[in-house]
């Protein structure tokens, strides 16, 4: 599989079906390292998505900081980018489609987020598309940009 040349803005304008197809056809990639900028995509192609995503990033979630050696991450939350809500990071079977994804598992590391599980795949160099689950229900997509 080849990695496409895409930007976050390109993903923001895709329909849910296009995001799903992109995810299914993208490689797992390597477990990322360092600071990422996060963008929430609740409904692909929704007219107000850019405004909603901006509001979420301003008041709630800014992205994630990965430590690939320790196989964990911390989320950056609030306008002050406080690093909280830890997850274990490892490669495992995708809940969304066949094959491997990078799993962001909060079940053993966070009381607040213990029912959340994310999975990501690298859809372009330095850009990961993610699926977020509450228990086993997919609730939204997100983008991580390194």
C-alpha atoms as a PDB file:
ATOM      1  CA  UNK A   1       0.000   0.000   0.000  1.00  0.00           C
ATOM      2  CA  UNK A   2       1.211   3.472  -0.779  1.00  0.00           C
ATOM      3  CA  UNK A   3       0.715   6.475   1.434  1.00  0.00           C
ATOM      4  CA  UNK A   4      -1.166   9.306  -0.262  1.00  0.00           C
ATOM      5  CA  UNK A   5      -0.268  12.965  -0.167  1.00  0.00           C
ATOM      6  CA  UNK A   6      -3.120  14.458   1.853  1.00  0.00           C
ATOM      7  CA  UNK A   7      -3.513  17.334   4.260  1.00  0.00           C
ATOM      8  CA  UNK A   8      -5.809  17.649   7.270  1.00  0.00           C
ATOM      9  CA  UNK A   9      -8.053  20.030   5.291  1.00  0.00           C
ATOM     10  CA  UNK A  10      -8.519  17.338   2.621  1.00  0.00           C
ATOM     11  CA  UNK A  11      -9.785  14.898   5.230  1.00  0.00           C
ATOM     12  CA  UNK A  12     -12.114  17.506   6.735  1.00  0.00           C
ATOM     13  CA  UNK A  13     -13.961  17.730   3.428  1.00  0.00           C
ATOM     14  CA  UNK A  14     -14.404  13.978   2.912  1.00  0.00           C
ATOM     15  CA  UNK A  15     -17.669  12.159   3.471  1.00  0.00           C
ATOM     16  CA  UNK A  16     -17.844   9.452   6.127  1.00  0.00           C
ATOM     17  CA  UNK A  17     -17.781   6.819   3.364  1.00  0.00           C
ATOM     18  CA  UNK A  18     -14.601   8.372   1.918  1.00  0.00           C
ATOM     19  CA  UNK A  19     -12.935   8.498   5.352  1.00  0.00           C
ATOM     20  CA  UNK A  20     -13.881   4.866   5.966  1.00  0.00           C
ATOM     21  CA  UNK A  21     -12.471   3.785   2.608  1.00  0.00           C
ATOM     22  CA  UNK A  22      -9.261   5.746   3.186  1.00  0.00           C
ATOM     23  CA  UNK A  23      -8.825   4.125   6.604  1.00  0.00           C
ATOM     24  CA  UNK A  24      -9.442   0.623   5.260  1.00  0.00           C
ATOM     25  CA  UNK A  25      -6.888   1.084   2.465  1.00  0.00           C
ATOM     26  CA  UNK A  26      -4.136   2.754   4.503  1.00  0.00           C
ATOM     27  CA  UNK A  27      -1.152   1.049   6.116  1.00  0.00           C
ATOM     28  CA  UNK A  28      -0.837   0.806   9.870  1.00  0.00           C
ATOM     29  CA  UNK A  29       2.300   2.931   9.857  1.00  0.00           C
ATOM     30  CA  UNK A  30       4.737   3.178  12.724  1.00  0.00           C
ATOM     31  CA  UNK A  31       3.761   4.106  16.254  1.00  0.00           C
ATOM     32  CA  UNK A  32       4.184   7.881  16.228  1.00  0.00           C
ATOM     33  CA  UNK A  33       6.574   9.800  18.451  1.00  0.00           C
ATOM     34  CA  UNK A  34       6.159  13.234  19.943  1.00  0.00           C
ATOM     35  CA  UNK A  35       3.611  15.998  19.897  1.00  0.00           C
ATOM     36  CA  UNK A  36       0.594  15.916  17.582  1.00  0.00           C
ATOM     37  CA  UNK A  37      -2.077  18.406  16.657  1.00  0.00           C
ATOM     38  CA  UNK A  38      -5.505  16.819  16.941  1.00  0.00           C
ATOM     39  CA  UNK A  39      -8.627  17.565  14.939  1.00  0.00           C
ATOM     40  CA  UNK A  40     -12.012  16.011  15.666  1.00  0.00           C
ATOM     41  CA  UNK A  41     -14.109  14.923  12.695  1.00  0.00           C
ATOM     42  CA  UNK A  42     -17.573  14.033  13.969  1.00  0.00           C
ATOM     43  CA  UNK A  43     -19.322  13.657  10.635  1.00  0.00           C
ATOM     44  CA  UNK A  44     -17.251  13.666   7.472  1.00  0.00           C
ATOM     45  CA  UNK A  45     -18.230  16.417   5.053  1.00  0.00           C
ATOM     46  CA  UNK A  46     -20.626  18.185   7.465  1.00  0.00           C
ATOM     47  CA  UNK A  47     -20.854  21.877   6.513  1.00  0.00           C
ATOM     48  CA  UNK A  48     -20.110  23.195  10.022  1.00  0.00           C
ATOM     49  CA  UNK A  49     -17.413  20.596  10.750  1.00  0.00           C
ATOM     50  CA  UNK A  50     -14.528  23.076  10.591  1.00  0.00           C
ATOM     51  CA  UNK A  51     -16.234  25.393  13.083  1.00  0.00           C
ATOM     52  CA  UNK A  52     -17.138  22.509  15.417  1.00  0.00           C
ATOM     53  CA  UNK A  53     -13.595  21.109  15.224  1.00  0.00           C
ATOM     54  CA  UNK A  54     -12.110  24.519  15.985  1.00  0.00           C
ATOM     55  CA  UNK A  55     -14.375  24.955  19.028  1.00  0.00           C
ATOM     56  CA  UNK A  56     -13.464  21.493  20.342  1.00  0.00           C
ATOM     57  CA  UNK A  57      -9.755  22.224  19.947  1.00  0.00           C
ATOM     58  CA  UNK A  58     -10.084  25.584  21.674  1.00  0.00           C
ATOM     59  CA  UNK A  59     -11.965  24.351  24.738  1.00  0.00           C
ATOM     60  CA  UNK A  60     -11.465  20.616  25.112  1.00  0.00           C
ATOM     61  CA  UNK A  61      -8.909  18.550  23.153  1.00  0.00           C
ATOM     62  CA  UNK A  62      -5.738  19.713  21.403  1.00  0.00           C
ATOM     63  CA  UNK A  63      -4.104  16.416  20.420  1.00  0.00           C
ATOM     64  CA  UNK A  64      -1.848  13.743  21.883  1.00  0.00           C
ATOM     65  CA  UNK A  65       1.791  13.400  22.935  1.00  0.00           C
ATOM     66  CA  UNK A  66       3.276   9.977  22.159  1.00  0.00           C
ATOM     67  CA  UNK A  67       6.225   8.268  23.838  1.00  0.00           C
ATOM     68  CA  UNK A  68       6.872   5.320  21.523  1.00  0.00           C
ATOM     69  CA  UNK A  69       9.666   3.888  23.712  1.00  0.00           C
ATOM     70  CA  UNK A  70       7.329   3.607  26.706  1.00  0.00           C
ATOM     71  CA  UNK A  71       4.353   2.730  24.460  1.00  0.00           C
ATOM     72  CA  UNK A  72       2.062   5.304  25.985  1.00  0.00           C
ATOM     73  CA  UNK A  73       0.557   8.720  25.295  1.00  0.00           C
ATOM     74  CA  UNK A  74      -1.017  11.634  27.085  1.00  0.00           C
ATOM     75  CA  UNK A  75      -3.862  13.730  25.697  1.00  0.00           C
ATOM     76  CA  UNK A  76      -3.551  17.514  25.592  1.00  0.00           C
ATOM     77  CA  UNK A  77      -6.774  18.924  26.984  1.00  0.00           C
ATOM     78  CA  UNK A  78      -8.249  22.340  27.865  1.00  0.00           C
ATOM     79  CA  UNK A  79      -7.052  25.608  26.350  1.00  0.00           C
ATOM     80  CA  UNK A  80      -3.910  25.239  28.498  1.00  0.00           C
ATOM     81  CA  UNK A  81      -2.856  21.987  26.770  1.00  0.00           C
ATOM     82  CA  UNK A  82      -2.652  20.123  30.071  1.00  0.00           C
ATOM     83  CA  UNK A  83      -1.259  16.644  29.515  1.00  0.00           C
ATOM     84  CA  UNK A  84      -3.712  14.204  31.069  1.00  0.00           C
ATOM     85  CA  UNK A  85      -5.602  11.007  30.288  1.00  0.00           C
ATOM     86  CA  UNK A  86      -2.985   8.376  29.579  1.00  0.00           C
ATOM     87  CA  UNK A  87      -3.322   5.458  27.172  1.00  0.00           C
ATOM     88  CA  UNK A  88      -1.296   2.374  26.355  1.00  0.00           C
ATOM     89  CA  UNK A  89      -0.171   2.302  22.713  1.00  0.00           C
ATOM     90  CA  UNK A  90       0.401  -0.914  20.744  1.00  0.00           C
ATOM     91  CA  UNK A  91      -0.352  -2.568  17.413  1.00  0.00           C
ATOM     92  CA  UNK A  92      -3.372  -4.841  17.356  1.00  0.00           C
ATOM     93  CA  UNK A  93      -6.387  -5.994  15.374  1.00  0.00           C
ATOM     94  CA  UNK A  94      -8.705  -3.236  14.137  1.00  0.00           C
ATOM     95  CA  UNK A  95     -12.309  -3.242  15.337  1.00  0.00           C
ATOM     96  CA  UNK A  96     -13.323  -1.349  12.211  1.00  0.00           C
ATOM     97  CA  UNK A  97     -11.892  -3.482   9.405  1.00  0.00           C
ATOM     98  CA  UNK A  98      -9.589  -6.402   8.718  1.00  0.00           C
ATOM     99  CA  UNK A  99      -5.954  -5.946   9.581  1.00  0.00           C
ATOM    100  CA  UNK A 100      -3.744  -4.242  12.083  1.00  0.00           C
ATOM    101  CA  UNK A 101      -4.044  -0.715  13.478  1.00  0.00           C
ATOM    102  CA  UNK A 102      -2.252   1.254  16.162  1.00  0.00           C
ATOM    103  CA  UNK A 103      -4.385   0.901  19.288  1.00  0.00           C
ATOM    104  CA  UNK A 104      -4.725   3.656  21.900  1.00  0.00           C
ATOM    105  CA  UNK A 105      -6.113   1.775  24.905  1.00  0.00           C
ATOM    106  CA  UNK A 106      -7.408   3.676  27.929  1.00  0.00           C
ATOM    107  CA  UNK A 107      -8.948   0.676  29.745  1.00  0.00           C
ATOM    108  CA  UNK A 108      -6.112   0.161  32.259  1.00  0.00           C
ATOM    109  CA  UNK A 109      -4.683   3.673  32.472  1.00  0.00           C
ATOM    110  CA  UNK A 110      -7.607   6.044  32.962  1.00  0.00           C
ATOM    111  CA  UNK A 111     -10.601   5.942  35.262  1.00  0.00           C
ATOM    112  CA  UNK A 112     -12.332   8.700  33.274  1.00  0.00           C
ATOM    113  CA  UNK A 113     -11.662   7.199  29.853  1.00  0.00           C
ATOM    114  CA  UNK A 114     -11.587   3.491  30.664  1.00  0.00           C
ATOM    115  CA  UNK A 115     -14.402   2.729  28.192  1.00  0.00           C
ATOM    116  CA  UNK A 116     -12.607   4.497  25.328  1.00  0.00           C
ATOM    117  CA  UNK A 117     -10.443   2.792  22.731  1.00  0.00           C
ATOM    118  CA  UNK A 118      -9.006   4.577  19.707  1.00  0.00           C
ATOM    119  CA  UNK A 119      -7.285   3.127  16.703  1.00  0.00           C
ATOM    120  CA  UNK A 120      -5.245   4.965  14.084  1.00  0.00           C
ATOM    121  CA  UNK A 121      -3.627   4.355  10.701  1.00  0.00           C
ATOM    122  CA  UNK A 122      -1.185   6.542   8.778  1.00  0.00           C
ATOM    123  CA  UNK A 123      -3.072   7.936   5.774  1.00  0.00           C
ATOM    124  CA  UNK A 124      -0.364  10.363   4.619  1.00  0.00           C
ATOM    125  CA  UNK A 125       3.171  11.107   5.807  1.00  0.00           C
ATOM    126  CA  UNK A 126       2.793  12.403   9.369  1.00  0.00           C
ATOM    127  CA  UNK A 127      -1.033  12.270   9.268  1.00  0.00           C
ATOM    128  CA  UNK A 128      -3.009   9.590  11.090  1.00  0.00           C
ATOM    129  CA  UNK A 129      -6.750   9.018  10.774  1.00  0.00           C
ATOM    130  CA  UNK A 130      -8.392   7.623  13.874  1.00  0.00           C
ATOM    131  CA  UNK A 131     -11.594   5.967  14.984  1.00  0.00           C
ATOM    132  CA  UNK A 132     -12.727   6.541  18.561  1.00  0.00           C
ATOM    133  CA  UNK A 133     -14.902   3.961  20.322  1.00  0.00           C
ATOM    134  CA  UNK A 134     -17.046   4.133  23.450  1.00  0.00           C
ATOM    135  CA  UNK A 135     -17.016   0.497  24.521  1.00  0.00           C
ATOM    136  CA  UNK A 136     -17.448  -1.114  21.062  1.00  0.00           C
ATOM    137  CA  UNK A 137     -19.463   1.692  19.437  1.00  0.00           C
ATOM    138  CA  UNK A 138     -17.583   3.977  17.057  1.00  0.00           C
ATOM    139  CA  UNK A 139     -18.419   7.556  18.050  1.00  0.00           C
ATOM    140  CA  UNK A 140     -16.199   9.775  15.910  1.00  0.00           C
ATOM    141  CA  UNK A 141     -13.174  10.166  13.692  1.00  0.00           C
ATOM    142  CA  UNK A 142     -10.141  12.265  14.471  1.00  0.00           C
ATOM    143  CA  UNK A 143      -6.950  13.339  12.763  1.00  0.00           C
ATOM    144  CA  UNK A 144      -3.484  13.500  14.306  1.00  0.00           C
ATOM    145  CA  UNK A 145      -0.890  15.601  12.523  1.00  0.00           C
ATOM    146  CA  UNK A 146       2.825  15.373  13.393  1.00  0.00           C
END
